[in-house]
C-alpha atoms as a PDB file:
ATOM      1  CA  MET A   1     -60.381 -55.595  37.374  1.00  0.00           C
ATOM      2  CA  GLU A   2     -60.449 -57.556  34.597  1.00  0.00           C
ATOM      3  CA  TYR A   3     -59.789 -61.784  34.253  1.00  0.00           C
ATOM      4  CA  ARG A   4     -58.397 -63.651  31.763  1.00  0.00           C
ATOM      5  CA  ARG A   5     -57.776 -66.961  30.872  1.00  0.00           C
ATOM      6  CA  LEU A   6     -54.510 -68.346  29.635  1.00  0.00           C
ATOM      7  CA  GLY A   7     -53.995 -69.802  27.460  1.00  0.00           C
ATOM      8  CA  GLN A   8     -56.310 -73.101  26.664  1.00  0.00           C
ATOM      9  CA  SER A   9     -55.990 -73.713  30.771  1.00  0.00           C
ATOM     10  CA  ASP A  10     -58.200 -73.263  33.109  1.00  0.00           C
ATOM     11  CA  LEU A  11     -56.222 -70.435  35.058  1.00  0.00           C
ATOM     12  CA  GLU A  12     -58.538 -67.311  35.158  1.00  0.00           C
ATOM     13  CA  VAL A  13     -56.279 -64.244  36.294  1.00  0.00           C
ATOM     14  CA  SER A  14     -56.490 -60.617  37.042  1.00  0.00           C
ATOM     15  CA  ALA A  15     -55.263 -58.979  34.256  1.00  0.00           C
ATOM     16  CA  LEU A  16     -52.375 -57.312  36.715  1.00  0.00           C
ATOM     17  CA  CYS A  17     -49.921 -59.845  38.579  1.00  0.00           C
ATOM     18  CA  LEU A  18     -48.035 -58.864  41.451  1.00  0.00           C
ATOM     19  CA  GLY A  19     -43.934 -59.249  40.493  1.00  0.00           C
ATOM     20  CA  SER A  20     -42.032 -60.734  43.595  1.00  0.00           C
ATOM     21  CA  MET A  21     -38.581 -60.605  42.860  1.00  0.00           C
ATOM     22  CA  THR A  22     -37.677 -58.041  45.148  1.00  0.00           C
ATOM     23  CA  TRP A  23     -38.820 -59.664  48.209  1.00  0.00           C
ATOM     24  CA  GLY A  24     -35.868 -60.777  50.508  1.00  0.00           C
ATOM     25  CA  ALA A  25     -33.697 -58.678  49.225  1.00  0.00           C
ATOM     26  CA  GLN A  26     -35.040 -54.820  48.474  1.00  0.00           C
ATOM     27  CA  ASN A  27     -38.213 -55.942  50.613  1.00  0.00           C
ATOM     28  CA  ASP A  28     -38.337 -57.947  53.867  1.00  0.00           C
ATOM     29  CA  GLU A  29     -41.305 -59.986  54.392  1.00  0.00           C
ATOM     30  CA  ALA A  30     -43.416 -58.023  56.664  1.00  0.00           C
ATOM     31  CA  GLU A  31     -43.269 -55.325  53.708  1.00  0.00           C
ATOM     32  CA  ALA A  32     -43.852 -57.886  50.918  1.00  0.00           C
ATOM     33  CA  HIS A  33     -47.152 -59.607  52.845  1.00  0.00           C
ATOM     34  CA  ALA A  34     -48.226 -56.027  53.238  1.00  0.00           C
ATOM     35  CA  GLN A  35     -48.269 -55.943  49.583  1.00  0.00           C
ATOM     36  CA  ILE A  36     -49.689 -59.169  48.728  1.00  0.00           C
ATOM     37  CA  ASP A  37     -52.593 -58.241  50.805  1.00  0.00           C
ATOM     38  CA  ALA A  38     -52.960 -54.545  49.698  1.00  0.00           C
ATOM     39  CA  ALA A  39     -53.034 -56.284  45.666  1.00  0.00           C
ATOM     40  CA  LEU A  40     -55.843 -59.085  46.680  1.00  0.00           C
ATOM     41  CA  ALA A  41     -57.313 -55.971  48.195  1.00  0.00           C
ATOM     42  CA  GLY A  42     -57.716 -54.823  44.996  1.00  0.00           C
ATOM     43  CA  GLY A  43     -58.708 -57.368  43.129  1.00  0.00           C
ATOM     44  CA  ILE A  44     -55.433 -59.118  41.821  1.00  0.00           C
ATOM     45  CA  ASN A  45     -55.401 -62.694  42.513  1.00  0.00           C
ATOM     46  CA  PHE A  46     -51.906 -63.608  40.126  1.00  0.00           C
ATOM     47  CA  ILE A  47     -48.305 -63.734  42.174  1.00  0.00           C
ATOM     48  CA  ASP A  48     -45.165 -64.564  39.853  1.00  0.00           C
ATOM     49  CA  THR A  49     -42.127 -65.417  41.725  1.00  0.00           C
ATOM     50  CA  ALA A  50     -39.449 -68.038  40.696  1.00  0.00           C
ATOM     51  CA  GLU A  51     -37.192 -70.164  42.695  1.00  0.00           C
ATOM     52  CA  LEU A  52     -34.015 -67.963  41.888  1.00  0.00           C
ATOM     53  CA  TYR A  53     -35.210 -65.204  43.695  1.00  0.00           C
ATOM     54  CA  PRO A  54     -34.862 -62.213  44.753  1.00  0.00           C
ATOM     55  CA  THR A  55     -32.658 -60.366  42.224  1.00  0.00           C
ATOM     56  CA  TYR A  56     -30.602 -57.404  42.696  1.00  0.00           C
ATOM     57  CA  PRO A  57     -28.734 -59.113  43.016  1.00  0.00           C
ATOM     58  CA  VAL A  58     -28.707 -62.762  42.964  1.00  0.00           C
ATOM     59  CA  ARG A  59     -26.853 -64.642  45.749  1.00  0.00           C
ATOM     60  CA  ALA A  60     -26.390 -68.419  46.741  1.00  0.00           C
ATOM     61  CA  GLU A  61     -27.100 -67.695  50.235  1.00  0.00           C
ATOM     62  CA  THR A  62     -30.827 -65.842  49.358  1.00  0.00           C
ATOM     63  CA  VAL A  63     -32.022 -68.121  46.531  1.00  0.00           C
ATOM     64  CA  GLY A  64     -35.545 -69.426  47.116  1.00  0.00           C
ATOM     65  CA  ARG A  65     -35.856 -66.410  49.884  1.00  0.00           C
ATOM     66  CA  THR A  66     -38.856 -65.271  48.010  1.00  0.00           C
ATOM     67  CA  GLU A  67     -40.958 -68.572  47.828  1.00  0.00           C
ATOM     68  CA  GLU A  68     -40.015 -69.017  51.297  1.00  0.00           C
ATOM     69  CA  ILE A  69     -41.925 -65.650  51.888  1.00  0.00           C
ATOM     70  CA  ILE A  70     -45.019 -66.346  50.128  1.00  0.00           C
ATOM     71  CA  GLY A  71     -45.371 -69.747  51.300  1.00  0.00           C
ATOM     72  CA  ASN A  72     -45.375 -68.181  54.912  1.00  0.00           C
ATOM     73  CA  TRP A  73     -48.319 -65.455  53.237  1.00  0.00           C
ATOM     74  CA  LEU A  74     -49.907 -68.463  52.480  1.00  0.00           C
ATOM     75  CA  ALA A  75     -49.971 -70.443  56.008  1.00  0.00           C
ATOM     76  CA  ARG A  76     -50.676 -67.261  57.483  1.00  0.00           C
ATOM     77  CA  SER A  77     -53.428 -66.391  55.817  1.00  0.00           C
ATOM     78  CA  GLY A  78     -55.218 -69.677  54.699  1.00  0.00           C
ATOM     79  CA  ARG A  79     -55.859 -67.441  51.281  1.00  0.00           C
ATOM     80  CA  ARG A  80     -53.913 -70.596  48.771  1.00  0.00           C
ATOM     81  CA  GLY A  81     -57.419 -71.233  47.051  1.00  0.00           C
ATOM     82  CA  ASP A  82     -57.778 -67.161  46.298  1.00  0.00           C
ATOM     83  CA  VAL A  83     -54.438 -67.156  44.560  1.00  0.00           C
ATOM     84  CA  VAL A  84     -52.842 -68.036  41.300  1.00  0.00           C
ATOM     85  CA  ILE A  85     -49.101 -68.976  42.179  1.00  0.00           C
ATOM     86  CA  ALA A  86     -46.553 -68.865  38.665  1.00  0.00           C
ATOM     87  CA  THR A  87     -42.847 -70.438  39.489  1.00  0.00           C
ATOM     88  CA  LYS A  88     -39.636 -70.697  37.492  1.00  0.00           C
ATOM     89  CA  VAL A  89     -37.182 -73.666  37.197  1.00  0.00           C
ATOM     90  CA  THR A  90     -33.705 -71.725  36.879  1.00  0.00           C
ATOM     91  CA  GLY A  91     -31.963 -72.122  33.278  1.00  0.00           C
ATOM     92  CA  ALA A  92     -28.501 -73.063  32.407  1.00  0.00           C
ATOM     93  CA  GLY A  93     -25.593 -70.592  34.069  1.00  0.00           C
ATOM     94  CA  GLN A  94     -26.856 -69.515  37.008  1.00  0.00           C
ATOM     95  CA  LYS A  95     -24.038 -70.630  39.320  1.00  0.00           C
ATOM     96  CA  ALA A  96     -25.988 -69.719  42.763  1.00  0.00           C
ATOM     97  CA  VAL A  97     -28.848 -72.651  41.306  1.00  0.00           C
ATOM     98  CA  ARG A  98     -27.579 -76.137  41.381  1.00  0.00           C
ATOM     99  CA  GLU A  99     -23.995 -74.699  40.140  1.00  0.00           C
ATOM    100  CA  GLY A 100     -25.469 -73.636  37.027  1.00  0.00           C
ATOM    101  CA  ALA A 101     -27.010 -76.958  35.452  1.00  0.00           C
ATOM    102  CA  PRO A 102     -28.828 -76.489  32.361  1.00  0.00           C
ATOM    103  CA  VAL A 103     -32.852 -77.812  32.690  1.00  0.00           C
ATOM    104  CA  SER A 104     -33.447 -81.185  32.148  1.00  0.00           C
ATOM    105  CA  ALA A 105     -35.794 -83.614  33.792  1.00  0.00           C
ATOM    106  CA  GLU A 106     -33.648 -83.919  36.564  1.00  0.00           C
ATOM    107  CA  THR A 107     -33.762 -80.554  37.555  1.00  0.00           C
ATOM    108  CA  ILE A 108     -37.077 -80.110  37.044  1.00  0.00           C
ATOM    109  CA  ARG A 109     -37.717 -82.804  39.810  1.00  0.00           C
ATOM    110  CA  THR A 110     -35.463 -81.390  42.331  1.00  0.00           C
ATOM    111  CA  ALA A 111     -36.614 -77.716  41.263  1.00  0.00           C
ATOM    112  CA  VAL A 112     -40.795 -78.512  41.826  1.00  0.00           C
ATOM    113  CA  GLU A 113     -39.931 -80.646  45.094  1.00  0.00           C
ATOM    114  CA  GLY A 114     -38.119 -77.304  46.039  1.00  0.00           C
ATOM    115  CA  SER A 115     -40.408 -74.831  45.145  1.00  0.00           C
ATOM    116  CA  LEU A 116     -43.130 -76.696  46.716  1.00  0.00           C
ATOM    117  CA  LYS A 117     -41.344 -77.260  50.076  1.00  0.00           C
ATOM    118  CA  ARG A 118     -40.876 -73.184  50.314  1.00  0.00           C
ATOM    119  CA  LEU A 119     -44.093 -71.817  49.234  1.00  0.00           C
ATOM    120  CA  ARG A 120     -45.903 -74.529  51.729  1.00  0.00           C
ATOM    121  CA  CYS A 121     -48.705 -75.949  49.117  1.00  0.00           C
ATOM    122  CA  GLU A 122     -49.737 -79.003  46.875  1.00  0.00           C
ATOM    123  CA  VAL A 123     -49.143 -77.883  43.840  1.00  0.00           C
ATOM    124  CA  ILE A 124     -47.770 -75.319  41.590  1.00  0.00           C
ATOM    125  CA  ASP A 125     -50.538 -73.470  39.518  1.00  0.00           C
ATOM    126  CA  LEU A 126     -48.180 -72.486  36.397  1.00  0.00           C
ATOM    127  CA  TYR A 127     -44.368 -73.886  36.077  1.00  0.00           C
ATOM    128  CA  GLN A 128     -42.307 -72.016  33.813  1.00  0.00           C
ATOM    129  CA  LEU A 129     -38.896 -72.549  32.333  1.00  0.00           C
ATOM    130  CA  HIS A 130     -36.561 -69.462  33.473  1.00  0.00           C
ATOM    131  CA  TRP A 131     -35.025 -69.377  30.183  1.00  0.00           C
ATOM    132  CA  PRO A 132     -34.395 -72.057  26.931  1.00  0.00           C
ATOM    133  CA  ASN A 133     -31.016 -74.083  27.710  1.00  0.00           C
ATOM    134  CA  ARG A 134     -29.973 -72.613  24.278  1.00  0.00           C
ATOM    135  CA  GLY A 135     -29.533 -69.183  25.469  1.00  0.00           C
ATOM    136  CA  SER A 136     -32.044 -66.435  24.446  1.00  0.00           C
ATOM    137  CA  TYR A 137     -31.708 -63.089  22.513  1.00  0.00           C
ATOM    138  CA  HIS A 138     -33.606 -61.367  25.697  1.00  0.00           C
ATOM    139  CA  PHE A 139     -31.750 -58.781  27.814  1.00  0.00           C
ATOM    140  CA  ARG A 140     -30.300 -57.032  24.944  1.00  0.00           C
ATOM    141  CA  GLN A 141     -28.768 -60.106  23.612  1.00  0.00           C
ATOM    142  CA  ASN A 142     -30.595 -59.426  20.771  1.00  0.00           C
ATOM    143  CA  TRP A 143     -28.108 -56.605  19.425  1.00  0.00           C
ATOM    144  CA  ALA A 144     -25.795 -59.479  19.093  1.00  0.00           C
ATOM    145  CA  TYR A 145     -27.514 -62.754  18.705  1.00  0.00           C
ATOM    146  CA  ASP A 146     -26.638 -65.874  16.766  1.00  0.00           C
ATOM    147  CA  PRO A 147     -28.389 -68.580  16.698  1.00  0.00           C
ATOM    148  CA  SER A 148     -26.041 -70.459  14.393  1.00  0.00           C
ATOM    149  CA  GLY A 149     -24.313 -72.774  16.962  1.00  0.00           C
ATOM    150  CA  GLN A 150     -27.644 -74.274  18.004  1.00  0.00           C
ATOM    151  CA  ASP A 151     -27.625 -77.956  17.806  1.00  0.00           C
ATOM    152  CA  ARG A 152     -31.442 -79.092  16.090  1.00  0.00           C
ATOM    153  CA  ALA A 153     -31.775 -82.546  17.189  1.00  0.00           C
ATOM    154  CA  GLN A 154     -30.325 -81.347  20.463  1.00  0.00           C
ATOM    155  CA  THR A 155     -32.756 -79.275  21.182  1.00  0.00           C
ATOM    156  CA  GLU A 156     -35.769 -81.185  20.047  1.00  0.00           C
ATOM    157  CA  ALA A 157     -34.851 -84.133  22.925  1.00  0.00           C
ATOM    158  CA  HIS A 158     -33.817 -81.599  25.613  1.00  0.00           C
ATOM    159  CA  MET A 159     -37.636 -80.221  24.774  1.00  0.00           C
ATOM    160  CA  LEU A 160     -39.107 -84.027  25.059  1.00  0.00           C
ATOM    161  CA  ASP A 161     -37.235 -84.446  27.708  1.00  0.00           C
ATOM    162  CA  VAL A 162     -38.622 -81.920  29.611  1.00  0.00           C
ATOM    163  CA  LEU A 163     -42.534 -82.531  28.259  1.00  0.00           C
ATOM    164  CA  GLN A 164     -42.445 -85.972  29.403  1.00  0.00           C
ATOM    165  CA  GLU A 165     -40.918 -84.459  32.788  1.00  0.00           C
ATOM    166  CA  MET A 166     -43.787 -81.885  32.764  1.00  0.00           C
ATOM    167  CA  GLN A 167     -46.503 -84.971  32.123  1.00  0.00           C
ATOM    168  CA  ARG A 168     -45.470 -86.698  35.255  1.00  0.00           C
ATOM    169  CA  GLN A 169     -45.193 -83.863  37.534  1.00  0.00           C
ATOM    170  CA  ILE A 170     -49.015 -82.794  36.285  1.00  0.00           C
ATOM    171  CA  GLU A 171     -49.894 -86.683  36.799  1.00  0.00           C
ATOM    172  CA  ALA A 172     -48.679 -86.385  39.802  1.00  0.00           C
ATOM    173  CA  GLY A 173     -50.564 -83.447  40.823  1.00  0.00           C
ATOM    174  CA  ARG A 174     -47.009 -81.359  41.849  1.00  0.00           C
ATOM    175  CA  VAL A 175     -47.943 -79.049  38.434  1.00  0.00           C
ATOM    176  CA  ARG A 176     -51.062 -77.738  36.564  1.00  0.00           C
ATOM    177  CA  TRP A 177     -50.139 -76.105  33.535  1.00  0.00           C
ATOM    178  CA  PHE A 178     -46.993 -75.581  31.748  1.00  0.00           C
ATOM    179  CA  GLY A 179     -45.241 -72.027  30.521  1.00  0.00           C
ATOM    180  CA  LEU A 180     -42.260 -70.352  28.969  1.00  0.00           C
ATOM    181  CA  SER A 181     -39.941 -67.058  29.542  1.00  0.00           C
ATOM    182  CA  ASN A 182     -37.570 -65.499  27.513  1.00  0.00           C
ATOM    183  CA  GLU A 183     -38.523 -67.524  24.700  1.00  0.00           C
ATOM    184  CA  SER A 184     -37.957 -66.636  20.708  1.00  0.00           C
ATOM    185  CA  ALA A 185     -41.305 -67.597  18.281  1.00  0.00           C
ATOM    186  CA  TRP A 186     -39.585 -70.651  16.801  1.00  0.00           C
ATOM    187  CA  GLY A 187     -38.920 -72.194  20.276  1.00  0.00           C
ATOM    188  CA  THR A 188     -42.254 -71.981  21.585  1.00  0.00           C
ATOM    189  CA  ALA A 189     -43.620 -73.275  17.891  1.00  0.00           C
ATOM    190  CA  LYS A 190     -41.687 -75.972  18.409  1.00  0.00           C
ATOM    191  CA  TRP A 191     -42.320 -76.944  22.347  1.00  0.00           C
ATOM    192  CA  LEU A 192     -46.473 -76.505  21.205  1.00  0.00           C
ATOM    193  CA  GLU A 193     -45.339 -78.925  18.051  1.00  0.00           C
ATOM    194  CA  LEU A 194     -43.519 -81.382  20.128  1.00  0.00           C
ATOM    195  CA  ALA A 195     -46.272 -81.356  22.462  1.00  0.00           C
ATOM    196  CA  ARG A 196     -48.849 -82.034  19.689  1.00  0.00           C
ATOM    197  CA  ARG A 197     -47.236 -84.586  18.223  1.00  0.00           C
ATOM    198  CA  HIS A 198     -46.588 -86.844  21.253  1.00  0.00           C
ATOM    199  CA  GLY A 199     -49.421 -85.953  23.299  1.00  0.00           C
ATOM    200  CA  LEU A 200     -47.887 -83.862  25.633  1.00  0.00           C
ATOM    201  CA  PRO A 201     -48.454 -80.576  28.111  1.00  0.00           C
ATOM    202  CA  ARG A 202     -48.879 -77.826  25.683  1.00  0.00           C
ATOM    203  CA  VAL A 203     -47.311 -74.058  26.343  1.00  0.00           C
ATOM    204  CA  GLN A 204     -50.242 -72.008  28.067  1.00  0.00           C
ATOM    205  CA  THR A 205     -48.099 -68.762  28.406  1.00  0.00           C
ATOM    206  CA  ILE A 206     -44.720 -67.231  27.648  1.00  0.00           C
ATOM    207  CA  GLN A 207     -42.991 -64.346  30.048  1.00  0.00           C
ATOM    208  CA  ASN A 208     -41.618 -62.026  27.972  1.00  0.00           C
ATOM    209  CA  GLU A 209     -39.744 -58.390  28.641  1.00  0.00           C
ATOM    210  CA  TYR A 210     -42.800 -56.224  27.095  1.00  0.00           C
ATOM    211  CA  SER A 211     -42.945 -52.321  27.467  1.00  0.00           C
ATOM    212  CA  LEU A 212     -43.626 -48.875  25.839  1.00  0.00           C
ATOM    213  CA  LEU A 213     -39.468 -49.348  25.298  1.00  0.00           C
ATOM    214  CA  CYS A 214     -39.285 -52.709  24.813  1.00  0.00           C
ATOM    215  CA  ARG A 215     -41.931 -54.309  22.038  1.00  0.00           C
ATOM    216  CA  LEU A 216     -39.474 -57.234  20.510  1.00  0.00           C
ATOM    217  CA  PHE A 217     -43.010 -59.129  21.010  1.00  0.00           C
ATOM    218  CA  ASP A 218     -44.987 -57.459  18.759  1.00  0.00           C
ATOM    219  CA  THR A 219     -44.182 -59.186  15.652  1.00  0.00           C
ATOM    220  CA  ASP A 220     -43.698 -62.915  15.214  1.00  0.00           C
ATOM    221  CA  LEU A 221     -44.418 -63.629  18.758  1.00  0.00           C
ATOM    222  CA  ALA A 222     -47.845 -61.714  18.934  1.00  0.00           C
ATOM    223  CA  GLU A 223     -48.924 -63.491  15.513  1.00  0.00           C
ATOM    224  CA  LEU A 224     -47.802 -66.778  17.356  1.00  0.00           C
ATOM    225  CA  ALA A 225     -49.672 -65.720  20.629  1.00  0.00           C
ATOM    226  CA  HIS A 226     -52.979 -65.255  18.490  1.00  0.00           C
ATOM    227  CA  ASN A 227     -52.978 -68.350  16.137  1.00  0.00           C
ATOM    228  CA  GLU A 228     -52.035 -70.769  19.055  1.00  0.00           C
ATOM    229  CA  GLN A 229     -53.556 -69.241  22.175  1.00  0.00           C
ATOM    230  CA  VAL A 230     -50.711 -68.657  23.751  1.00  0.00           C
ATOM    231  CA  SER A 231     -50.858 -65.788  26.628  1.00  0.00           C
ATOM    232  CA  LEU A 232     -47.980 -63.338  27.461  1.00  0.00           C
ATOM    233  CA  LEU A 233     -47.284 -62.719  30.948  1.00  0.00           C
ATOM    234  CA  ALA A 234     -45.701 -59.243  30.363  1.00  0.00           C
ATOM    235  CA  TYR A 235     -42.273 -58.864  32.946  1.00  0.00           C
ATOM    236  CA  THR A 236     -40.937 -55.293  33.626  1.00  0.00           C
ATOM    237  CA  PRO A 237     -43.984 -53.426  32.179  1.00  0.00           C
ATOM    238  CA  LEU A 238     -42.249 -50.471  33.624  1.00  0.00           C
ATOM    239  CA  ALA A 239     -39.231 -50.601  31.694  1.00  0.00           C
ATOM    240  CA  ALA A 240     -37.343 -51.513  35.414  1.00  0.00           C
ATOM    241  CA  GLY A 241     -38.913 -48.350  37.213  1.00  0.00           C
ATOM    242  CA  LEU A 242     -37.913 -45.877  33.567  1.00  0.00           C
ATOM    243  CA  LEU A 243     -41.348 -45.252  33.173  1.00  0.00           C
ATOM    244  CA  SER A 244     -42.260 -44.944  36.495  1.00  0.00           C
ATOM    245  CA  GLY A 245     -41.091 -41.218  36.627  1.00  0.00           C
ATOM    246  CA  LYS A 246     -38.402 -41.666  39.426  1.00  0.00           C
ATOM    247  CA  TYR A 247     -35.324 -41.874  37.352  1.00  0.00           C
ATOM    248  CA  ALA A 248     -33.582 -39.019  35.403  1.00  0.00           C
ATOM    249  CA  PRO A 249     -30.127 -38.925  34.244  1.00  0.00           C
ATOM    250  CA  ASP A 250     -28.783 -37.591  37.151  1.00  0.00           C
ATOM    251  CA  VAL A 251     -31.028 -38.963  39.462  1.00  0.00           C
ATOM    252  CA  THR A 252     -30.870 -42.280  41.478  1.00  0.00           C
ATOM    253  CA  PRO A 253     -33.268 -43.105  44.538  1.00  0.00           C
ATOM    254  CA  ALA A 254     -31.702 -44.634  47.062  1.00  0.00           C
ATOM    255  CA  GLY A 255     -32.530 -48.515  47.465  1.00  0.00           C
ATOM    256  CA  SER A 256     -33.805 -48.166  43.666  1.00  0.00           C
ATOM    257  CA  ARG A 257     -32.987 -51.108  41.334  1.00  0.00           C
ATOM    258  CA  ARG A 258     -30.798 -48.362  39.402  1.00  0.00           C
ATOM    259  CA  SER A 259     -28.802 -47.653  42.519  1.00  0.00           C
ATOM    260  CA  ILE A 260     -27.989 -51.343  42.626  1.00  0.00           C
ATOM    261  CA  SER A 261     -27.233 -51.912  38.858  1.00  0.00           C
ATOM    262  CA  GLY A 262     -26.142 -48.929  37.102  1.00  0.00           C
ATOM    263  CA  ASN A 263     -27.470 -49.212  33.727  1.00  0.00           C
ATOM    264  CA  LEU A 264     -30.577 -51.342  34.448  1.00  0.00           C
ATOM    265  CA  ASN A 265     -29.251 -54.296  32.846  1.00  0.00           C
ATOM    266  CA  GLY A 266     -28.306 -52.262  29.567  1.00  0.00           C
ATOM    267  CA  ARG A 267     -31.474 -50.612  29.668  1.00  0.00           C
ATOM    268  CA  ILE A 268     -30.158 -46.697  29.957  1.00  0.00           C
ATOM    269  CA  THR A 269     -28.770 -45.707  27.025  1.00  0.00           C
ATOM    270  CA  PRO A 270     -28.273 -41.987  25.165  1.00  0.00           C
ATOM    271  CA  ARG A 271     -31.759 -42.459  23.770  1.00  0.00           C
ATOM    272  CA  VAL A 272     -33.781 -44.040  26.276  1.00  0.00           C
ATOM    273  CA  TRP A 273     -33.975 -40.624  28.126  1.00  0.00           C
ATOM    274  CA  GLY A 274     -35.812 -39.026  25.109  1.00  0.00           C
ATOM    275  CA  ALA A 275     -38.531 -41.788  24.486  1.00  0.00           C
ATOM    276  CA  ILE A 276     -38.789 -41.436  28.576  1.00  0.00           C
ATOM    277  CA  ASP A 277     -39.414 -38.015  27.802  1.00  0.00           C
ATOM    278  CA  ALA A 278     -41.944 -38.407  24.640  1.00  0.00           C
ATOM    279  CA  TYR A 279     -43.831 -40.558  26.657  1.00  0.00           C
ATOM    280  CA  ARG A 280     -44.526 -38.481  29.829  1.00  0.00           C
ATOM    281  CA  ALA A 281     -45.170 -35.398  27.573  1.00  0.00           C
ATOM    282  CA  LEU A 282     -48.196 -37.552  26.206  1.00  0.00           C
ATOM    283  CA  ALA A 283     -49.544 -38.796  29.386  1.00  0.00           C
ATOM    284  CA  LEU A 284     -49.526 -35.011  30.490  1.00  0.00           C
ATOM    285  CA  ARG A 285     -51.008 -34.011  27.651  1.00  0.00           C
ATOM    286  CA  HIS A 286     -53.754 -36.505  28.218  1.00  0.00           C
ATOM    287  CA  GLY A 287     -53.983 -35.729  31.822  1.00  0.00           C
ATOM    288  CA  LEU A 288     -52.434 -39.026  32.802  1.00  0.00           C
ATOM    289  CA  GLU A 289     -49.434 -40.270  35.164  1.00  0.00           C
ATOM    290  CA  LEU A 290     -46.924 -41.696  33.343  1.00  0.00           C
ATOM    291  CA  PRO A 291     -46.795 -45.668  34.657  1.00  0.00           C
ATOM    292  CA  GLN A 292     -50.768 -45.585  34.754  1.00  0.00           C
ATOM    293  CA  MET A 293     -50.567 -44.844  31.228  1.00  0.00           C
ATOM    294  CA  ALA A 294     -47.736 -47.581  30.695  1.00  0.00           C
ATOM    295  CA  LEU A 295     -49.551 -50.268  32.387  1.00  0.00           C
ATOM    296  CA  ALA A 296     -52.669 -49.830  31.090  1.00  0.00           C
ATOM    297  CA  TRP A 297     -51.464 -49.859  27.680  1.00  0.00           C
ATOM    298  CA  ALA A 298     -49.507 -53.144  28.166  1.00  0.00           C
ATOM    299  CA  MET A 299     -53.262 -54.742  29.625  1.00  0.00           C
ATOM    300  CA  ALA A 300     -55.399 -53.286  26.386  1.00  0.00           C
ATOM    301  CA  ARG A 301     -52.627 -55.126  24.278  1.00  0.00           C
ATOM    302  CA  PRO A 302     -54.528 -58.190  22.100  1.00  0.00           C
ATOM    303  CA  PHE A 303     -52.095 -60.779  23.488  1.00  0.00           C
ATOM    304  CA  MET A 304     -52.010 -60.019  27.030  1.00  0.00           C
ATOM    305  CA  GLY A 305     -52.556 -62.464  29.533  1.00  0.00           C
ATOM    306  CA  SER A 306     -51.411 -60.449  32.306  1.00  0.00           C
ATOM    307  CA  VAL A 307     -48.893 -57.407  33.183  1.00  0.00           C
ATOM    308  CA  ILE A 308     -46.486 -58.123  35.764  1.00  0.00           C
ATOM    309  CA  PHE A 309     -45.281 -55.331  38.081  1.00  0.00           C
ATOM    310  CA  GLY A 310     -43.543 -55.516  41.080  1.00  0.00           C
ATOM    311  CA  ALA A 311     -43.442 -53.352  43.777  1.00  0.00           C
ATOM    312  CA  THR A 312     -40.688 -52.144  46.867  1.00  0.00           C
ATOM    313  CA  ARG A 313     -43.815 -50.488  48.866  1.00  0.00           C
ATOM    314  CA  VAL A 314     -47.377 -50.895  49.077  1.00  0.00           C
ATOM    315  CA  ALA A 315     -47.620 -47.265  47.189  1.00  0.00           C
ATOM    316  CA  HIS A 316     -46.094 -49.396  44.364  1.00  0.00           C
ATOM    317  CA  VAL A 317     -49.370 -51.435  44.303  1.00  0.00           C
ATOM    318  CA  GLU A 318     -51.739 -49.114  44.421  1.00  0.00           C
ATOM    319  CA  THR A 319     -50.316 -46.949  41.503  1.00  0.00           C
ATOM    320  CA  ALA A 320     -50.921 -50.295  39.760  1.00  0.00           C
ATOM    321  CA  LEU A 321     -54.343 -50.711  41.192  1.00  0.00           C
ATOM    322  CA  ALA A 322     -55.595 -47.336  39.617  1.00  0.00           C
ATOM    323  CA  ALA A 323     -54.394 -48.140  36.192  1.00  0.00           C
ATOM    324  CA  ALA A 324     -56.602 -51.509  36.006  1.00  0.00           C
ATOM    325  CA  GLU A 325     -59.956 -49.455  35.620  1.00  0.00           C
ATOM    326  CA  LEU A 326     -58.046 -46.953  33.461  1.00  0.00           C
ATOM    327  CA  LYS A 327     -58.880 -47.177  29.483  1.00  0.00           C
ATOM    328  CA  LEU A 328     -57.163 -45.266  26.676  1.00  0.00           C
ATOM    329  CA  ASP A 329     -58.905 -43.897  24.130  1.00  0.00           C
ATOM    330  CA  ARG A 330     -58.261 -43.890  20.180  1.00  0.00           C
ATOM    331  CA  GLU A 331     -56.410 -40.517  20.399  1.00  0.00           C
ATOM    332  CA  LEU A 332     -54.284 -41.618  22.575  1.00  0.00           C
ATOM    333  CA  LEU A 333     -53.361 -44.860  21.246  1.00  0.00           C
ATOM    334  CA  ASP A 334     -52.310 -43.308  17.951  1.00  0.00           C
ATOM    335  CA  ASP A 335     -50.419 -40.768  19.777  1.00  0.00           C
ATOM    336  CA  ILE A 336     -48.619 -43.681  21.725  1.00  0.00           C
ATOM    337  CA  ALA A 337     -48.059 -45.365  18.241  1.00  0.00           C
ATOM    338  CA  ALA A 338     -46.451 -42.027  16.580  1.00  0.00           C
ATOM    339  CA  VAL A 339     -43.856 -42.123  19.730  1.00  0.00           C
ATOM    340  CA  HIS A 340     -43.418 -45.375  19.256  1.00  0.00           C
ATOM    341  CA  ARG A 341     -42.302 -44.952  15.419  1.00  0.00           C
ATOM    342  CA  ALA A 342     -40.027 -42.106  16.579  1.00  0.00           C
ATOM    343  CA  HIS A 343     -37.995 -43.424  19.497  1.00  0.00           C
ATOM    344  CA  PRO A 344     -39.087 -47.743  18.426  1.00  0.00           C
ATOM    345  CA  MET A 345     -35.688 -49.222  19.993  1.00  0.00           C
ATOM    346  CA  PRO A 346     -34.270 -47.102  23.058  1.00  0.00           C
ATOM    347  CA  PHE A 347     -32.267 -50.157  24.130  1.00  0.00           C
END
């Protein structure tokens, strides 16, 4: 397993990160703990979660359950020192958490306190904003994205308020490092600028969707990540299971994410099946399994900090771990680039 430093922080994390958003919904606690044990046995030292989890579906009565499951594992195992824990404060509009209140200094204080209690630990290694108050182009909102209603002065005042609160949380020893999620290049640059100008905590990571089928990060954000030393934490690297090989137009396994969310949050389109078929054929031609090729490719991207994969069974963890040792040769990378040009934005 390869380990990488996130941003300019002192966090050294595995190239694969164990995602947790199914725990407490599609998985029970025993299954989640078995996944954590298997991941650590394979060299993974990084777990990503959020106060909002579990998802699929999000329900007020289960919000925070995933953090509780992780906290129970930490208490049972006594291995807090062996794992880097990342979690997130929920953004504006999610009614299941604080009635949809936007992120502010006040909500961060409340959220950090709740997460620490559920996680049963004293400090959060990486604390992230789940999405921006001003909105986001992620989750297929890019097709109709319109930032013209944003108020720049209001946005900057909000960012400064949050950065000052993050400084207080870090000084109090409750949080170590600060990160973003579902952000844009302009937003990330503004967070960095304000932190630099006011001597406040800088952004170390940005957690955005990234996979063979979703490559919005590849241009302006890739340039920013390189020049500003902000590491990408890629979520849904298997495109919500589309690159796992388990789905077909007329095949939906019982209990899968697609059985709960029919179009996988807008990822299933008439174009997506052709792209999947092309990548599957490519993997087969090179003697690989599609999910392992997809994960290995994501881990090899130059701006990648860690690739966050989700699992519903221990077998899924084992599949991901096999990808950690896989190195893609130049011919295969060129072939992947050719498929991308033929299927550039399948959803």
